[in-house]
């Protein structure tokens, strides 16, 4: 991969990899999701105020396991995140290193939420799942909020297509996060060409990695 992301560390339980995925990698992930998507879009009700929609996969599942083999665009993204946490030299992220090393058996799952611009929102909340979350943005940018107990105030960041924010989703970490809105007209041209829906939507691809 030729891209070199910009890294923002909020605290030891949350950090952002801005520009992690290259344009071809983003397109590959989107194509992979489109192949899996079984959401009955034409028959879904159309509310006056559009709300985020979680994609449905085979057998009406909204969460899919990510098998370690064969390699998929999603498993490749997870390994790429791990390469920055555990690489040489590694990031100064001892909390994440202590979770990922020694290499415990892991199980990974994926879910995808589609947000319409500009009104797509998700209220601030704290997860209660002992896992790490790797949240990828595809398409339009999201105004994302994050607040941890050690942060003096809530941070608002623009998550652009290809960005991945990583956080500890356990109850103990208390990482409060949410989506304030979607930036109209912010989808990169190369992604617009990949899918018409991306011109007016943000796809939030959530990968959850559990230690088992």
N, C-alpha and C. Protein backbone atom coordinates (compact mmCIF):
# COMPACT_ATOMS: atom_id res chain seq x y z
N UNK A 1 0.84 -1.19 0.00
CA UNK A 1 0.00 0.00 0.00
C UNK A 1 0.87 1.24 0.00
N UNK A 2 0.58 2.19 -0.89
CA UNK A 2 1.40 3.39 -1.00
C UNK A 2 0.94 4.49 -0.07
N UNK A 3 -0.28 4.39 0.48
CA UNK A 3 -0.79 5.43 1.33
C UNK A 3 -0.12 5.38 2.70
N UNK A 4 0.10 6.55 3.28
CA UNK A 4 0.63 6.64 4.64
C UNK A 4 -0.34 7.49 5.45
N UNK A 5 -1.10 6.89 6.36
CA UNK A 5 -2.15 7.64 7.05
C UNK A 5 -1.59 8.63 8.06
N UNK A 6 -2.39 9.66 8.32
CA UNK A 6 -2.12 10.58 9.41
C UNK A 6 -2.80 10.03 10.66
N UNK A 7 -2.09 10.02 11.77
CA UNK A 7 -2.59 9.38 12.98
C UNK A 7 -2.90 10.42 14.05
N UNK A 8 -4.13 10.38 14.57
CA UNK A 8 -4.54 11.23 15.68
C UNK A 8 -4.89 10.33 16.86
N UNK A 9 -4.18 10.50 17.97
CA UNK A 9 -4.45 9.72 19.18
C UNK A 9 -5.26 10.59 20.14
N UNK A 10 -6.48 10.18 20.45
CA UNK A 10 -7.32 10.92 21.39
C UNK A 10 -6.94 10.59 22.83
N UNK A 11 -6.75 9.33 23.11
CA UNK A 11 -6.17 8.87 24.37
C UNK A 11 -5.81 7.40 24.16
N UNK A 12 -5.48 6.68 25.23
CA UNK A 12 -4.98 5.32 25.03
C UNK A 12 -6.07 4.32 24.65
N UNK A 13 -7.34 4.77 24.57
CA UNK A 13 -8.42 3.87 24.18
C UNK A 13 -9.05 4.22 22.85
N UNK A 14 -8.54 5.24 22.16
CA UNK A 14 -9.19 5.68 20.91
C UNK A 14 -8.19 6.44 20.04
N UNK A 15 -8.11 6.07 18.77
CA UNK A 15 -7.25 6.81 17.83
C UNK A 15 -7.83 6.73 16.43
N UNK A 16 -7.38 7.65 15.57
CA UNK A 16 -7.88 7.78 14.20
C UNK A 16 -6.75 7.59 13.21
N UNK A 17 -6.99 6.75 12.21
CA UNK A 17 -6.08 6.59 11.08
C UNK A 17 -6.72 7.28 9.88
N UNK A 18 -6.30 8.52 9.62
CA UNK A 18 -6.89 9.31 8.54
C UNK A 18 -6.22 8.95 7.22
N UNK A 19 -7.04 8.53 6.25
CA UNK A 19 -6.49 8.15 4.96
C UNK A 19 -5.85 6.78 4.96
N UNK A 20 -6.39 5.85 5.76
CA UNK A 20 -5.78 4.52 5.85
C UNK A 20 -5.87 3.76 4.53
N UNK A 21 -7.06 3.77 3.91
CA UNK A 21 -7.26 2.99 2.70
C UNK A 21 -7.08 3.84 1.46
N UNK A 22 -6.37 3.32 0.49
CA UNK A 22 -6.17 3.98 -0.80
C UNK A 22 -7.47 3.92 -1.60
N UNK A 23 -7.61 4.72 -2.67
CA UNK A 23 -8.82 4.63 -3.50
C UNK A 23 -9.13 3.22 -3.99
N UNK A 24 -8.17 2.46 -4.53
CA UNK A 24 -8.51 1.10 -4.95
C UNK A 24 -8.98 0.22 -3.80
N UNK A 25 -8.40 0.40 -2.62
CA UNK A 25 -8.82 -0.40 -1.46
C UNK A 25 -10.23 -0.04 -1.03
N UNK A 26 -10.57 1.26 -1.06
CA UNK A 26 -11.93 1.67 -0.73
C UNK A 26 -12.94 1.08 -1.70
N UNK A 27 -12.61 1.12 -2.99
CA UNK A 27 -13.50 0.56 -4.00
C UNK A 27 -13.67 -0.94 -3.80
N UNK A 28 -12.60 -1.61 -3.43
CA UNK A 28 -12.65 -3.05 -3.20
C UNK A 28 -13.57 -3.39 -2.03
N UNK A 29 -13.48 -2.62 -0.94
CA UNK A 29 -14.37 -2.86 0.20
C UNK A 29 -15.82 -2.61 -0.19
N UNK A 30 -16.07 -1.52 -0.92
CA UNK A 30 -17.44 -1.20 -1.32
C UNK A 30 -18.01 -2.31 -2.21
N UNK A 31 -17.23 -2.77 -3.18
CA UNK A 31 -17.70 -3.85 -4.06
C UNK A 31 -18.02 -5.11 -3.25
N UNK A 32 -17.19 -5.39 -2.27
CA UNK A 32 -17.40 -6.57 -1.41
C UNK A 32 -18.72 -6.44 -0.65
N UNK A 33 -18.98 -5.26 -0.11
CA UNK A 33 -20.23 -5.03 0.62
C UNK A 33 -21.43 -5.15 -0.31
N UNK A 34 -21.32 -4.57 -1.49
CA UNK A 34 -22.42 -4.64 -2.45
C UNK A 34 -22.74 -6.09 -2.82
N UNK A 35 -21.73 -6.91 -2.94
CA UNK A 35 -21.96 -8.32 -3.27
C UNK A 35 -22.70 -9.05 -2.14
N UNK A 36 -22.47 -8.62 -0.91
CA UNK A 36 -23.09 -9.28 0.25
C UNK A 36 -24.47 -8.72 0.59
N UNK A 37 -24.76 -7.51 0.14
CA UNK A 37 -25.98 -6.80 0.56
C UNK A 37 -27.24 -7.49 0.04
N UNK A 38 -28.14 -7.80 0.96
CA UNK A 38 -29.44 -8.38 0.60
C UNK A 38 -30.58 -7.49 1.12
N UNK A 39 -30.30 -6.25 1.44
CA UNK A 39 -31.33 -5.34 1.95
C UNK A 39 -32.37 -5.09 0.87
N UNK A 40 -33.66 -5.23 1.17
CA UNK A 40 -34.70 -5.00 0.16
C UNK A 40 -34.99 -3.50 -0.02
N UNK A 41 -34.02 -2.78 -0.58
CA UNK A 41 -34.14 -1.32 -0.66
C UNK A 41 -35.43 -0.83 -1.31
N UNK A 42 -35.90 -1.41 -2.42
CA UNK A 42 -37.11 -0.88 -3.07
C UNK A 42 -38.36 -0.98 -2.21
N UNK A 43 -38.39 -1.93 -1.27
CA UNK A 43 -39.61 -2.14 -0.48
C UNK A 43 -39.53 -1.53 0.92
N UNK A 44 -38.41 -0.92 1.26
CA UNK A 44 -38.30 -0.32 2.59
C UNK A 44 -39.18 0.92 2.67
N UNK A 45 -39.84 1.16 3.83
CA UNK A 45 -40.63 2.38 3.99
C UNK A 45 -39.75 3.62 3.90
N UNK A 46 -40.33 4.69 3.40
CA UNK A 46 -39.58 5.94 3.24
C UNK A 46 -40.06 6.95 4.28
N UNK A 47 -39.39 7.05 5.43
CA UNK A 47 -39.82 7.99 6.47
C UNK A 47 -39.59 9.43 6.03
N UNK A 48 -40.35 10.35 6.63
CA UNK A 48 -40.19 11.77 6.31
C UNK A 48 -38.79 12.25 6.64
N UNK A 49 -38.26 11.76 7.76
CA UNK A 49 -36.88 12.07 8.14
C UNK A 49 -36.07 10.78 8.02
N UNK A 50 -35.21 10.68 7.01
CA UNK A 50 -34.46 9.43 6.82
C UNK A 50 -33.60 9.10 8.04
N UNK A 51 -33.62 7.84 8.42
CA UNK A 51 -32.80 7.39 9.54
C UNK A 51 -31.76 6.41 9.03
N UNK A 52 -30.66 6.24 9.76
CA UNK A 52 -29.65 5.28 9.32
C UNK A 52 -30.24 3.87 9.18
N UNK A 53 -29.77 3.16 8.18
CA UNK A 53 -30.27 1.81 7.90
C UNK A 53 -29.12 0.81 7.99
N UNK A 54 -29.31 -0.21 8.81
CA UNK A 54 -28.32 -1.29 8.89
C UNK A 54 -28.56 -2.27 7.76
N UNK A 55 -27.53 -2.54 6.98
CA UNK A 55 -27.67 -3.45 5.86
C UNK A 55 -27.99 -4.87 6.33
N UNK A 56 -28.78 -5.56 5.52
CA UNK A 56 -29.11 -6.96 5.77
C UNK A 56 -28.30 -7.84 4.83
N UNK A 57 -27.76 -8.92 5.38
CA UNK A 57 -26.97 -9.84 4.58
C UNK A 57 -27.74 -11.16 4.41
N UNK A 58 -27.06 -12.19 3.98
CA UNK A 58 -27.70 -13.48 3.74
C UNK A 58 -28.38 -13.98 5.01
N UNK A 59 -29.52 -14.67 4.83
CA UNK A 59 -30.30 -15.24 5.95
C UNK A 59 -30.78 -14.16 6.91
N UNK A 60 -30.98 -12.95 6.41
CA UNK A 60 -31.48 -11.82 7.20
C UNK A 60 -30.53 -11.42 8.32
N UNK A 61 -29.28 -11.77 8.22
CA UNK A 61 -28.30 -11.38 9.23
C UNK A 61 -27.90 -9.92 9.03
N UNK A 62 -27.70 -9.23 10.15
CA UNK A 62 -27.20 -7.86 10.09
C UNK A 62 -25.75 -7.76 10.57
N UNK A 63 -25.26 -8.86 11.08
CA UNK A 63 -23.85 -8.96 11.47
C UNK A 63 -23.29 -10.23 10.87
N UNK A 64 -22.14 -10.11 10.21
CA UNK A 64 -21.52 -11.26 9.57
C UNK A 64 -20.19 -11.59 10.22
N UNK A 65 -19.89 -12.86 10.41
CA UNK A 65 -18.54 -13.21 10.85
C UNK A 65 -17.52 -12.93 9.75
N UNK A 66 -16.32 -12.58 10.15
CA UNK A 66 -15.23 -12.35 9.21
C UNK A 66 -14.25 -13.50 9.37
N UNK A 67 -14.27 -14.46 8.46
CA UNK A 67 -13.36 -15.60 8.60
C UNK A 67 -11.91 -15.18 8.35
N UNK A 68 -10.95 -15.80 9.04
CA UNK A 68 -9.55 -15.45 8.81
C UNK A 68 -9.07 -15.83 7.42
N UNK A 69 -9.69 -16.87 6.86
CA UNK A 69 -9.38 -17.27 5.49
C UNK A 69 -10.68 -17.61 4.78
N UNK A 70 -10.81 -17.39 3.47
CA UNK A 70 -9.81 -16.71 2.64
C UNK A 70 -9.76 -15.22 2.94
N UNK A 71 -8.72 -14.57 2.48
CA UNK A 71 -8.56 -13.14 2.70
C UNK A 71 -9.65 -12.37 1.96
N UNK A 72 -10.24 -11.40 2.65
CA UNK A 72 -11.25 -10.51 2.06
C UNK A 72 -10.78 -9.07 2.22
N UNK A 73 -11.41 -8.12 1.52
CA UNK A 73 -11.04 -6.72 1.73
C UNK A 73 -11.21 -6.27 3.17
N UNK A 74 -12.16 -6.87 3.90
CA UNK A 74 -12.38 -6.50 5.30
C UNK A 74 -11.28 -7.06 6.19
N UNK A 75 -10.95 -8.34 6.01
CA UNK A 75 -9.89 -8.92 6.84
C UNK A 75 -8.55 -8.25 6.54
N UNK A 76 -8.35 -7.82 5.30
CA UNK A 76 -7.12 -7.10 4.95
C UNK A 76 -7.05 -5.77 5.68
N UNK A 77 -8.20 -5.08 5.80
CA UNK A 77 -8.22 -3.81 6.52
C UNK A 77 -7.89 -4.02 7.99
N UNK A 78 -8.44 -5.08 8.60
CA UNK A 78 -8.16 -5.37 10.00
C UNK A 78 -6.67 -5.62 10.20
N UNK A 79 -6.08 -6.40 9.33
CA UNK A 79 -4.65 -6.68 9.44
C UNK A 79 -3.82 -5.42 9.23
N UNK A 80 -4.30 -4.52 8.39
CA UNK A 80 -3.60 -3.26 8.17
C UNK A 80 -3.61 -2.41 9.44
N UNK A 81 -4.76 -2.36 10.12
CA UNK A 81 -4.83 -1.64 11.40
C UNK A 81 -3.85 -2.26 12.40
N UNK A 82 -3.84 -3.59 12.47
CA UNK A 82 -2.93 -4.27 13.40
C UNK A 82 -1.47 -3.96 13.07
N UNK A 83 -1.16 -3.79 11.79
CA UNK A 83 0.22 -3.51 11.41
C UNK A 83 0.68 -2.16 11.94
N UNK A 84 -0.25 -1.22 12.10
CA UNK A 84 0.12 0.09 12.67
C UNK A 84 0.21 0.02 14.19
N UNK A 85 -0.64 -0.78 14.81
CA UNK A 85 -0.58 -0.91 16.27
C UNK A 85 0.66 -1.68 16.71
N UNK A 86 0.97 -2.74 15.98
CA UNK A 86 2.02 -3.67 16.40
C UNK A 86 3.26 -3.60 15.52
N UNK A 87 3.31 -2.62 14.60
CA UNK A 87 4.40 -2.58 13.63
C UNK A 87 5.73 -2.20 14.25
N UNK A 88 6.71 -2.05 13.39
CA UNK A 88 8.07 -1.70 13.82
C UNK A 88 8.48 -0.40 13.13
N UNK A 89 8.58 0.73 13.85
CA UNK A 89 8.24 0.84 15.28
C UNK A 89 6.73 0.93 15.47
N UNK A 90 6.20 0.41 16.56
CA UNK A 90 4.76 0.47 16.79
C UNK A 90 4.34 1.88 17.22
N UNK A 91 3.05 2.14 17.10
CA UNK A 91 2.51 3.37 17.67
C UNK A 91 2.61 3.29 19.19
N UNK A 92 2.61 4.45 19.83
CA UNK A 92 2.65 4.48 21.29
C UNK A 92 1.24 4.25 21.83
N UNK A 93 0.79 3.02 21.71
CA UNK A 93 -0.56 2.65 22.12
C UNK A 93 -0.50 1.40 22.99
N UNK A 94 0.06 1.51 24.20
CA UNK A 94 0.24 0.32 25.03
C UNK A 94 -1.05 -0.39 25.38
N UNK A 95 -2.16 0.36 25.49
CA UNK A 95 -3.43 -0.27 25.83
C UNK A 95 -3.84 -1.27 24.75
N UNK A 96 -3.75 -0.85 23.48
CA UNK A 96 -4.12 -1.74 22.38
C UNK A 96 -3.13 -2.88 22.24
N UNK A 97 -1.85 -2.58 22.43
CA UNK A 97 -0.83 -3.63 22.34
C UNK A 97 -1.08 -4.71 23.39
N UNK A 98 -1.44 -4.29 24.61
CA UNK A 98 -1.67 -5.26 25.68
C UNK A 98 -2.86 -6.15 25.39
N UNK A 99 -3.84 -5.63 24.63
CA UNK A 99 -5.01 -6.43 24.27
C UNK A 99 -4.67 -7.41 23.15
N UNK A 100 -3.90 -6.94 22.17
CA UNK A 100 -3.62 -7.76 20.99
C UNK A 100 -2.44 -8.70 21.16
N UNK A 101 -1.58 -8.45 22.14
CA UNK A 101 -0.42 -9.31 22.39
C UNK A 101 -0.47 -9.84 23.82
N UNK A 102 -0.08 -11.10 24.06
CA UNK A 102 0.29 -12.08 23.04
C UNK A 102 -0.90 -12.41 22.14
N UNK A 103 -0.63 -12.98 20.97
CA UNK A 103 -1.71 -13.16 19.99
C UNK A 103 -2.75 -14.17 20.45
N UNK A 104 -3.82 -13.67 21.03
CA UNK A 104 -4.92 -14.53 21.45
C UNK A 104 -5.75 -14.92 20.23
N UNK A 105 -6.48 -16.03 20.32
CA UNK A 105 -7.47 -16.30 19.27
C UNK A 105 -8.48 -15.16 19.23
N UNK A 106 -8.88 -14.78 18.04
CA UNK A 106 -9.79 -13.66 17.88
C UNK A 106 -10.97 -14.07 17.01
N UNK A 107 -12.11 -13.44 17.24
CA UNK A 107 -13.24 -13.57 16.33
C UNK A 107 -13.62 -12.17 15.89
N UNK A 108 -13.94 -12.03 14.62
CA UNK A 108 -14.26 -10.71 14.06
C UNK A 108 -15.61 -10.76 13.37
N UNK A 109 -16.36 -9.67 13.50
CA UNK A 109 -17.64 -9.55 12.82
C UNK A 109 -17.72 -8.20 12.12
N UNK A 110 -18.64 -8.12 11.15
CA UNK A 110 -18.83 -6.89 10.39
C UNK A 110 -20.31 -6.54 10.32
N UNK A 111 -20.60 -5.26 10.48
CA UNK A 111 -21.92 -4.73 10.18
C UNK A 111 -21.74 -3.41 9.44
N UNK A 112 -22.77 -3.01 8.69
CA UNK A 112 -22.66 -1.80 7.86
C UNK A 112 -23.92 -0.97 8.05
N UNK A 113 -23.75 0.31 8.33
CA UNK A 113 -24.88 1.24 8.47
C UNK A 113 -24.78 2.30 7.38
N UNK A 114 -25.89 2.51 6.68
CA UNK A 114 -25.94 3.52 5.61
C UNK A 114 -26.64 4.78 6.12
N UNK A 115 -25.95 5.92 6.01
CA UNK A 115 -26.46 7.21 6.47
C UNK A 115 -26.70 8.11 5.26
N UNK A 116 -27.89 8.74 5.20
CA UNK A 116 -28.16 9.71 4.14
C UNK A 116 -27.59 11.06 4.53
N UNK A 117 -27.13 11.82 3.54
CA UNK A 117 -26.67 13.19 3.82
C UNK A 117 -27.83 14.15 3.56
N UNK A 118 -27.94 15.23 4.35
CA UNK A 118 -27.06 15.60 5.46
C UNK A 118 -27.60 15.16 6.83
N UNK A 119 -28.77 14.50 6.83
CA UNK A 119 -29.51 14.32 8.09
C UNK A 119 -29.15 13.05 8.85
N UNK A 120 -28.30 12.19 8.29
CA UNK A 120 -27.98 10.95 8.97
C UNK A 120 -27.28 11.19 10.30
N UNK A 121 -27.82 10.65 11.36
CA UNK A 121 -27.26 10.86 12.71
C UNK A 121 -27.30 9.56 13.49
N UNK A 122 -26.45 9.49 14.51
CA UNK A 122 -26.51 8.41 15.50
C UNK A 122 -26.16 9.04 16.84
N UNK A 123 -27.06 8.96 17.82
CA UNK A 123 -26.83 9.69 19.07
C UNK A 123 -25.60 9.18 19.82
N UNK A 124 -24.96 10.05 20.59
CA UNK A 124 -23.79 9.62 21.38
C UNK A 124 -24.17 8.48 22.32
N UNK A 125 -23.30 7.49 22.39
CA UNK A 125 -23.57 6.32 23.22
C UNK A 125 -22.26 5.64 23.59
N UNK A 126 -22.32 4.76 24.56
CA UNK A 126 -21.18 3.96 24.99
C UNK A 126 -21.49 2.49 24.74
N UNK A 127 -20.58 1.81 24.07
CA UNK A 127 -20.75 0.38 23.84
C UNK A 127 -20.45 -0.40 25.12
N UNK A 128 -21.01 -1.59 25.20
CA UNK A 128 -20.78 -2.45 26.36
C UNK A 128 -20.41 -3.85 25.87
N UNK A 129 -19.39 -3.90 25.05
CA UNK A 129 -18.95 -5.17 24.47
C UNK A 129 -17.43 -5.26 24.59
N UNK A 130 -16.91 -6.29 25.24
CA UNK A 130 -15.45 -6.41 25.38
C UNK A 130 -14.80 -6.72 24.03
N UNK A 131 -14.48 -5.67 23.29
CA UNK A 131 -13.96 -5.84 21.94
C UNK A 131 -13.28 -4.56 21.51
N UNK A 132 -12.60 -4.63 20.38
CA UNK A 132 -12.08 -3.45 19.70
C UNK A 132 -12.92 -3.20 18.47
N UNK A 133 -13.26 -1.94 18.22
CA UNK A 133 -14.04 -1.58 17.04
C UNK A 133 -13.15 -0.82 16.07
N UNK A 134 -13.20 -1.23 14.80
CA UNK A 134 -12.50 -0.54 13.72
C UNK A 134 -13.60 -0.03 12.78
N UNK A 135 -13.81 1.28 12.76
CA UNK A 135 -14.94 1.87 12.05
C UNK A 135 -14.44 2.61 10.82
N UNK A 136 -14.78 2.08 9.65
CA UNK A 136 -14.36 2.63 8.36
C UNK A 136 -15.48 3.47 7.76
N UNK A 137 -15.12 4.62 7.19
CA UNK A 137 -16.07 5.46 6.46
C UNK A 137 -15.85 5.28 4.96
N UNK A 138 -16.95 5.10 4.22
CA UNK A 138 -16.92 5.07 2.76
C UNK A 138 -17.96 6.03 2.22
N UNK A 139 -17.60 6.78 1.16
CA UNK A 139 -18.54 7.71 0.55
C UNK A 139 -18.45 9.09 1.17
N UNK A 140 -19.60 9.65 1.56
CA UNK A 140 -19.63 10.99 2.15
C UNK A 140 -18.99 10.99 3.54
N UNK A 141 -18.48 12.16 3.92
CA UNK A 141 -17.84 12.31 5.23
C UNK A 141 -18.88 12.37 6.35
N UNK A 142 -18.48 11.95 7.54
CA UNK A 142 -19.32 12.02 8.72
C UNK A 142 -18.71 12.98 9.73
N UNK A 143 -19.56 13.76 10.41
CA UNK A 143 -19.12 14.53 11.57
C UNK A 143 -19.30 13.63 12.78
N UNK A 144 -18.18 13.17 13.30
CA UNK A 144 -18.15 12.14 14.33
C UNK A 144 -17.73 12.77 15.65
N UNK A 145 -18.38 12.36 16.73
CA UNK A 145 -18.02 12.87 18.05
C UNK A 145 -17.42 11.75 18.88
N UNK A 146 -16.44 12.11 19.70
CA UNK A 146 -15.82 11.12 20.59
C UNK A 146 -15.44 11.79 21.90
N UNK A 147 -15.69 11.08 23.00
CA UNK A 147 -15.37 11.59 24.33
C UNK A 147 -15.03 10.39 25.22
N UNK A 148 -13.84 10.44 25.82
CA UNK A 148 -13.43 9.42 26.78
C UNK A 148 -13.29 10.07 28.15
N UNK A 149 -13.25 9.29 29.23
CA UNK A 149 -13.14 9.88 30.56
C UNK A 149 -11.92 10.78 30.73
N UNK A 150 -10.84 10.52 30.01
CA UNK A 150 -9.63 11.32 30.19
C UNK A 150 -9.62 12.59 29.34
N UNK A 151 -10.57 12.72 28.40
CA UNK A 151 -10.60 13.89 27.53
C UNK A 151 -11.37 15.02 28.20
N UNK A 152 -10.84 16.25 28.18
CA UNK A 152 -11.53 17.36 28.85
C UNK A 152 -12.83 17.76 28.18
N UNK A 153 -12.97 17.49 26.88
CA UNK A 153 -14.20 17.85 26.18
C UNK A 153 -14.43 16.90 25.01
N UNK A 154 -15.64 16.94 24.48
CA UNK A 154 -15.97 16.13 23.31
C UNK A 154 -15.24 16.66 22.08
N UNK A 155 -14.62 15.77 21.34
CA UNK A 155 -13.95 16.13 20.09
C UNK A 155 -14.87 15.83 18.92
N UNK A 156 -14.89 16.75 17.95
CA UNK A 156 -15.65 16.55 16.71
C UNK A 156 -14.66 16.46 15.55
N UNK A 157 -14.74 15.37 14.83
CA UNK A 157 -13.82 15.15 13.73
C UNK A 157 -14.60 14.80 12.47
N UNK A 158 -14.05 15.18 11.33
CA UNK A 158 -14.65 14.81 10.05
C UNK A 158 -14.00 13.51 9.58
N UNK A 159 -14.78 12.45 9.57
CA UNK A 159 -14.30 11.17 9.08
C UNK A 159 -14.55 11.10 7.58
N UNK A 160 -13.48 11.11 6.81
CA UNK A 160 -13.60 11.09 5.35
C UNK A 160 -13.52 9.66 4.83
N UNK A 161 -13.89 9.50 3.58
CA UNK A 161 -13.84 8.19 2.96
C UNK A 161 -12.42 7.63 3.04
N UNK A 162 -12.30 6.42 3.57
CA UNK A 162 -10.99 5.80 3.75
C UNK A 162 -10.41 5.94 5.14
N UNK A 163 -11.03 6.78 5.99
CA UNK A 163 -10.58 6.93 7.38
C UNK A 163 -11.09 5.76 8.23
N UNK A 164 -10.29 5.38 9.22
CA UNK A 164 -10.70 4.34 10.18
C UNK A 164 -10.43 4.85 11.59
N UNK A 165 -11.48 4.90 12.41
CA UNK A 165 -11.32 5.24 13.81
C UNK A 165 -11.39 3.94 14.62
N UNK A 166 -10.50 3.81 15.58
CA UNK A 166 -10.34 2.58 16.35
C UNK A 166 -10.56 2.90 17.82
N UNK A 167 -11.38 2.09 18.51
CA UNK A 167 -11.59 2.35 19.94
C UNK A 167 -11.91 1.06 20.68
N UNK A 168 -11.65 1.12 21.97
CA UNK A 168 -11.99 0.04 22.90
C UNK A 168 -13.49 0.16 23.20
N UNK A 169 -14.25 -0.88 22.86
CA UNK A 169 -15.70 -0.83 23.01
C UNK A 169 -16.20 -1.44 24.31
N UNK A 170 -15.32 -1.66 25.25
CA UNK A 170 -15.73 -2.27 26.52
C UNK A 170 -16.44 -1.26 27.41
N UNK A 171 -17.22 -1.78 28.35
CA UNK A 171 -17.89 -0.92 29.33
C UNK A 171 -16.88 -0.10 30.12
N UNK A 172 -15.75 -0.72 30.46
CA UNK A 172 -14.74 -0.07 31.29
C UNK A 172 -14.11 1.13 30.60
N UNK A 173 -13.94 1.06 29.28
CA UNK A 173 -13.28 2.15 28.55
C UNK A 173 -14.16 3.39 28.47
N UNK A 174 -15.48 3.22 28.42
CA UNK A 174 -16.43 4.34 28.41
C UNK A 174 -16.14 5.32 27.28
N UNK A 175 -15.94 4.80 26.08
CA UNK A 175 -15.71 5.67 24.92
C UNK A 175 -17.06 6.06 24.34
N UNK A 176 -17.47 7.30 24.59
CA UNK A 176 -18.74 7.79 24.06
C UNK A 176 -18.51 8.29 22.64
N UNK A 177 -19.37 7.86 21.71
CA UNK A 177 -19.17 8.22 20.31
C UNK A 177 -20.53 8.32 19.61
N UNK A 178 -20.56 9.09 18.54
CA UNK A 178 -21.80 9.27 17.79
C UNK A 178 -21.55 9.97 16.47
N UNK A 179 -22.61 10.10 15.68
CA UNK A 179 -22.54 10.78 14.39
C UNK A 179 -23.49 11.97 14.43
N UNK A 180 -22.96 13.18 14.24
CA UNK A 180 -23.78 14.39 14.28
C UNK A 180 -24.43 14.69 12.95
N UNK A 181 -23.86 14.23 11.87
CA UNK A 181 -24.42 14.50 10.56
C UNK A 181 -23.48 14.05 9.46
N UNK A 182 -23.97 14.12 8.22
CA UNK A 182 -23.21 13.71 7.05
C UNK A 182 -23.01 14.93 6.15
N UNK A 183 -21.80 15.12 5.68
CA UNK A 183 -21.45 16.31 4.90
C UNK A 183 -21.89 16.12 3.45
N UNK A 184 -22.81 16.99 2.99
CA UNK A 184 -23.29 16.91 1.62
C UNK A 184 -22.16 17.19 0.63
N UNK A 185 -22.18 16.47 -0.48
CA UNK A 185 -21.23 16.72 -1.56
C UNK A 185 -19.79 16.39 -1.23
N UNK A 186 -19.57 15.57 -0.21
CA UNK A 186 -18.19 15.31 0.24
C UNK A 186 -17.62 14.00 -0.27
N UNK A 187 -18.41 13.24 -1.02
CA UNK A 187 -17.91 11.96 -1.52
C UNK A 187 -16.84 12.19 -2.58
N UNK A 188 -15.70 11.51 -2.48
CA UNK A 188 -14.66 11.64 -3.51
C UNK A 188 -15.18 11.21 -4.88
N UNK A 189 -14.68 11.83 -5.93
CA UNK A 189 -15.14 11.55 -7.28
C UNK A 189 -14.96 10.08 -7.65
N UNK A 190 -13.85 9.49 -7.23
CA UNK A 190 -13.61 8.09 -7.61
C UNK A 190 -14.63 7.16 -6.97
N UNK A 191 -15.14 7.53 -5.79
CA UNK A 191 -16.17 6.71 -5.16
C UNK A 191 -17.54 6.97 -5.79
N UNK A 192 -17.81 8.21 -6.18
CA UNK A 192 -19.05 8.51 -6.89
C UNK A 192 -19.18 7.65 -8.14
N UNK A 193 -18.06 7.48 -8.84
CA UNK A 193 -18.07 6.67 -10.06
C UNK A 193 -18.31 5.20 -9.75
N UNK A 194 -17.96 4.79 -8.53
CA UNK A 194 -18.11 3.38 -8.15
C UNK A 194 -19.56 3.03 -7.86
N UNK A 195 -20.29 3.98 -7.29
CA UNK A 195 -21.67 3.70 -6.94
C UNK A 195 -22.46 4.99 -6.78
N UNK A 196 -23.57 5.11 -7.50
CA UNK A 196 -24.39 6.32 -7.45
C UNK A 196 -24.84 6.65 -6.03
N UNK A 197 -25.10 5.61 -5.23
CA UNK A 197 -25.60 5.82 -3.87
C UNK A 197 -24.60 6.57 -3.02
N UNK A 198 -23.32 6.47 -3.33
CA UNK A 198 -22.29 7.10 -2.51
C UNK A 198 -22.29 8.62 -2.64
N UNK A 199 -22.89 9.15 -3.68
CA UNK A 199 -22.95 10.61 -3.84
C UNK A 199 -23.72 11.27 -2.69
N UNK A 200 -24.64 10.54 -2.12
CA UNK A 200 -25.51 11.14 -1.10
C UNK A 200 -25.58 10.33 0.19
N UNK A 201 -24.64 9.39 0.37
CA UNK A 201 -24.67 8.56 1.57
C UNK A 201 -23.27 8.30 2.10
N UNK A 202 -23.22 8.01 3.38
CA UNK A 202 -22.01 7.51 4.02
C UNK A 202 -22.27 6.09 4.49
N UNK A 203 -21.36 5.19 4.16
CA UNK A 203 -21.42 3.82 4.66
C UNK A 203 -20.45 3.71 5.83
N UNK A 204 -20.97 3.37 7.00
CA UNK A 204 -20.14 3.13 8.17
C UNK A 204 -19.92 1.64 8.33
N UNK A 205 -18.70 1.19 8.07
CA UNK A 205 -18.38 -0.24 8.11
C UNK A 205 -17.74 -0.53 9.46
N UNK A 206 -18.48 -1.22 10.32
CA UNK A 206 -18.01 -1.49 11.68
C UNK A 206 -17.49 -2.91 11.79
N UNK A 207 -16.21 -3.04 12.08
CA UNK A 207 -15.60 -4.34 12.34
C UNK A 207 -15.32 -4.44 13.84
N UNK A 208 -15.81 -5.51 14.43
CA UNK A 208 -15.65 -5.70 15.87
C UNK A 208 -14.77 -6.93 16.09
N UNK A 209 -13.65 -6.72 16.78
CA UNK A 209 -12.68 -7.79 17.02
C UNK A 209 -12.74 -8.18 18.50
N UNK A 210 -13.11 -9.42 18.75
CA UNK A 210 -13.21 -9.93 20.12
C UNK A 210 -12.08 -10.91 20.40
N UNK A 211 -11.59 -10.87 21.63
CA UNK A 211 -10.64 -11.88 22.06
C UNK A 211 -11.43 -13.07 22.62
N UNK A 212 -11.14 -14.28 22.17
CA UNK A 212 -11.92 -15.46 22.60
C UNK A 212 -11.00 -16.47 23.26
